[in-house]
Amino acid sequence: MLEKDGWVVVAVTGRIDAPAAADLEASLAGALSAEPPRLALDLAGVDYLSSPGLRVLLTSLKAVHRWGGALRLLAPKAHIRHVLAVSGLERVFEIRGTLGEP
């Protein structure tokens, strides 16, 4: 986790399957403690995203919105973006190539 331009940036790597989703959820709890939270998840290193992983992303988004913050997904690979599109979540999340991209 690092802070950049007022955002907490979390680099996520590997597979976000059921076991990893629980670990990710626990590690994001600290990032969600800022008020209002501005959280950017760098997904460039994610190779696989399962439904438990999608649940963690949605839960984080709800928590961020509850506090009036923002959540961005950064640099997802094409197949991860496809998972987001097929699930209908591509329209729900703010997805950018980089943190500074408008």
C-alpha atoms as a PDB file:
ATOM      1  CA  MET A   1       0.000   0.000   0.000  1.00  0.00           C
ATOM      2  CA  LEU A   2       1.236   3.468  -0.837  1.00  0.00           C
ATOM      3  CA  GLU A   3      -0.234   6.931  -0.948  1.00  0.00           C
ATOM      4  CA  LYS A   4      -0.136   8.943  -4.179  1.00  0.00           C
ATOM      5  CA  ASP A   5      -1.920  12.203  -4.996  1.00  0.00           C
ATOM      6  CA  GLY A   6      -4.368  11.731  -2.123  1.00  0.00           C
ATOM      7  CA  TRP A   7      -5.193   8.126  -3.092  1.00  0.00           C
ATOM      8  CA  VAL A   8      -4.300   4.943  -1.258  1.00  0.00           C
ATOM      9  CA  VAL A   9      -2.953   2.672  -3.998  1.00  0.00           C
ATOM     10  CA  VAL A  10      -3.001  -1.076  -3.405  1.00  0.00           C
ATOM     11  CA  ALA A  11      -1.186  -3.310  -5.887  1.00  0.00           C
ATOM     12  CA  VAL A  12      -3.036  -6.607  -6.209  1.00  0.00           C
ATOM     13  CA  THR A  13      -1.263  -9.565  -7.812  1.00  0.00           C
ATOM     14  CA  GLY A  14      -1.875 -13.177  -8.742  1.00  0.00           C
ATOM     15  CA  ARG A  15      -5.211 -14.908  -8.455  1.00  0.00           C
ATOM     16  CA  ILE A  16      -8.180 -13.390  -6.655  1.00  0.00           C
ATOM     17  CA  ASP A  17     -10.001 -16.632  -5.900  1.00  0.00           C
ATOM     18  CA  ALA A  18     -11.838 -17.614  -2.706  1.00  0.00           C
ATOM     19  CA  PRO A  19      -8.781 -17.937  -0.398  1.00  0.00           C
ATOM     20  CA  ALA A  20      -7.103 -14.823  -1.810  1.00  0.00           C
ATOM     21  CA  ALA A  21     -10.348 -12.833  -1.679  1.00  0.00           C
ATOM     22  CA  ALA A  22     -10.532 -13.255   2.098  1.00  0.00           C
ATOM     23  CA  ASP A  23      -6.931 -12.048   2.448  1.00  0.00           C
ATOM     24  CA  LEU A  24      -7.575  -9.104   0.121  1.00  0.00           C
ATOM     25  CA  GLU A  25     -10.677  -8.097   2.048  1.00  0.00           C
ATOM     26  CA  ALA A  26      -8.722  -8.093   5.309  1.00  0.00           C
ATOM     27  CA  SER A  27      -5.872  -6.042   3.849  1.00  0.00           C
ATOM     28  CA  LEU A  28      -8.255  -3.476   2.348  1.00  0.00           C
ATOM     29  CA  ALA A  29      -9.875  -2.826   5.722  1.00  0.00           C
ATOM     30  CA  GLY A  30      -7.020  -0.499   6.674  1.00  0.00           C
ATOM     31  CA  ALA A  31      -7.169   1.359   3.369  1.00  0.00           C
ATOM     32  CA  LEU A  32     -10.886   1.942   3.883  1.00  0.00           C
ATOM     33  CA  SER A  33     -10.357   3.605   7.269  1.00  0.00           C
ATOM     34  CA  ALA A  34      -9.517   7.051   5.817  1.00  0.00           C
ATOM     35  CA  GLU A  35     -12.419   9.475   5.603  1.00  0.00           C
ATOM     36  CA  PRO A  36     -13.409   9.901   2.871  1.00  0.00           C
ATOM     37  CA  PRO A  37     -11.493   6.940   1.485  1.00  0.00           C
ATOM     38  CA  ARG A  38      -9.922   7.326  -1.947  1.00  0.00           C
ATOM     39  CA  LEU A  39      -8.819   3.842  -2.906  1.00  0.00           C
ATOM     40  CA  ALA A  40      -7.141   2.754  -6.145  1.00  0.00           C
ATOM     41  CA  LEU A  41      -6.654  -0.960  -6.764  1.00  0.00           C
ATOM     42  CA  ASP A  42      -3.846  -1.613  -9.232  1.00  0.00           C
ATOM     43  CA  LEU A  43      -4.961  -4.807 -10.970  1.00  0.00           C
ATOM     44  CA  ALA A  44      -2.116  -4.958 -13.523  1.00  0.00           C
ATOM     45  CA  GLY A  45      -0.677  -8.030 -11.764  1.00  0.00           C
ATOM     46  CA  VAL A  46      -3.979  -9.922 -11.432  1.00  0.00           C
ATOM     47  CA  ASP A  47      -4.161 -13.080 -13.551  1.00  0.00           C
ATOM     48  CA  TYR A  48      -7.513 -14.470 -12.395  1.00  0.00           C
ATOM     49  CA  LEU A  49     -10.646 -12.973 -10.864  1.00  0.00           C
ATOM     50  CA  SER A  50     -13.382 -15.238  -9.468  1.00  0.00           C
ATOM     51  CA  SER A  51     -16.810 -14.414  -8.077  1.00  0.00           C
ATOM     52  CA  PRO A  52     -15.463 -14.154  -4.487  1.00  0.00           C
ATOM     53  CA  GLY A  53     -12.974 -11.611  -5.836  1.00  0.00           C
ATOM     54  CA  LEU A  54     -15.783  -9.674  -7.501  1.00  0.00           C
ATOM     55  CA  ARG A  55     -17.637  -9.700  -4.181  1.00  0.00           C
ATOM     56  CA  VAL A  56     -14.638  -8.121  -2.430  1.00  0.00           C
ATOM     57  CA  LEU A  57     -14.456  -5.412  -5.094  1.00  0.00           C
ATOM     58  CA  LEU A  58     -18.175  -4.676  -4.727  1.00  0.00           C
ATOM     59  CA  THR A  59     -18.043  -4.696  -0.931  1.00  0.00           C
ATOM     60  CA  SER A  60     -15.121  -2.254  -1.053  1.00  0.00           C
ATOM     61  CA  LEU A  61     -16.979  -0.012  -3.486  1.00  0.00           C
ATOM     62  CA  LYS A  62     -20.031   0.069  -1.208  1.00  0.00           C
ATOM     63  CA  ALA A  63     -17.870   0.906   1.811  1.00  0.00           C
ATOM     64  CA  VAL A  64     -16.126   3.705  -0.077  1.00  0.00           C
ATOM     65  CA  HIS A  65     -19.414   5.185  -1.288  1.00  0.00           C
ATOM     66  CA  ARG A  66     -20.912   4.970   2.197  1.00  0.00           C
ATOM     67  CA  TRP A  67     -18.193   7.378   3.385  1.00  0.00           C
ATOM     68  CA  GLY A  68     -18.410   9.643   0.318  1.00  0.00           C
ATOM     69  CA  GLY A  69     -15.126   8.426  -1.148  1.00  0.00           C
ATOM     70  CA  ALA A  70     -14.035   6.967  -4.467  1.00  0.00           C
ATOM     71  CA  LEU A  71     -12.651   3.677  -5.747  1.00  0.00           C
ATOM     72  CA  ARG A  72     -10.744   3.177  -8.993  1.00  0.00           C
ATOM     73  CA  LEU A  73      -9.591  -0.023 -10.649  1.00  0.00           C
ATOM     74  CA  LEU A  74      -6.295   0.524 -12.435  1.00  0.00           C
ATOM     75  CA  ALA A  75      -4.782  -1.274 -15.434  1.00  0.00           C
ATOM     76  CA  PRO A  76      -6.737  -4.539 -15.488  1.00  0.00           C
ATOM     77  CA  LYS A  77      -5.538  -6.996 -18.133  1.00  0.00           C
ATOM     78  CA  ALA A  78      -7.897  -7.633 -21.062  1.00  0.00           C
ATOM     79  CA  HIS A  79      -9.228 -10.908 -19.657  1.00  0.00           C
ATOM     80  CA  ILE A  80      -9.886  -9.325 -16.246  1.00  0.00           C
ATOM     81  CA  ARG A  81     -11.674  -6.432 -17.927  1.00  0.00           C
ATOM     82  CA  HIS A  82     -13.705  -9.039 -19.830  1.00  0.00           C
ATOM     83  CA  VAL A  83     -14.774 -10.641 -16.526  1.00  0.00           C
ATOM     84  CA  LEU A  84     -15.890  -7.201 -15.315  1.00  0.00           C
ATOM     85  CA  ALA A  85     -17.775  -6.593 -18.570  1.00  0.00           C
ATOM     86  CA  VAL A  86     -19.531  -9.974 -18.643  1.00  0.00           C
ATOM     87  CA  SER A  87     -20.592  -9.569 -15.012  1.00  0.00           C
ATOM     88  CA  GLY A  88     -21.971  -6.098 -15.752  1.00  0.00           C
ATOM     89  CA  LEU A  89     -19.524  -4.517 -13.327  1.00  0.00           C
ATOM     90  CA  GLU A  90     -17.544  -2.625 -15.940  1.00  0.00           C
ATOM     91  CA  ARG A  91     -20.338  -0.025 -15.788  1.00  0.00           C
ATOM     92  CA  VAL A  92     -20.248   0.082 -11.989  1.00  0.00           C
ATOM     93  CA  PHE A  93     -16.531   0.645 -11.432  1.00  0.00           C
ATOM     94  CA  GLU A  94     -14.359   3.557 -12.419  1.00  0.00           C
ATOM     95  CA  ILE A  95     -11.674   1.808 -14.509  1.00  0.00           C
ATOM     96  CA  ARG A  96      -8.529   3.632 -15.623  1.00  0.00           C
ATOM     97  CA  GLY A  97      -5.208   2.728 -17.198  1.00  0.00           C
ATOM     98  CA  THR A  98      -3.350   4.828 -14.633  1.00  0.00           C
ATOM     99  CA  LEU A  99      -4.241   6.785 -11.508  1.00  0.00           C
ATOM    100  CA  GLY A 100      -3.851  10.135 -13.275  1.00  0.00           C
ATOM    101  CA  GLU A 101      -5.883   9.190 -16.335  1.00  0.00           C
ATOM    102  CA  PRO A 102      -9.115  11.223 -16.550  1.00  0.00           C
END
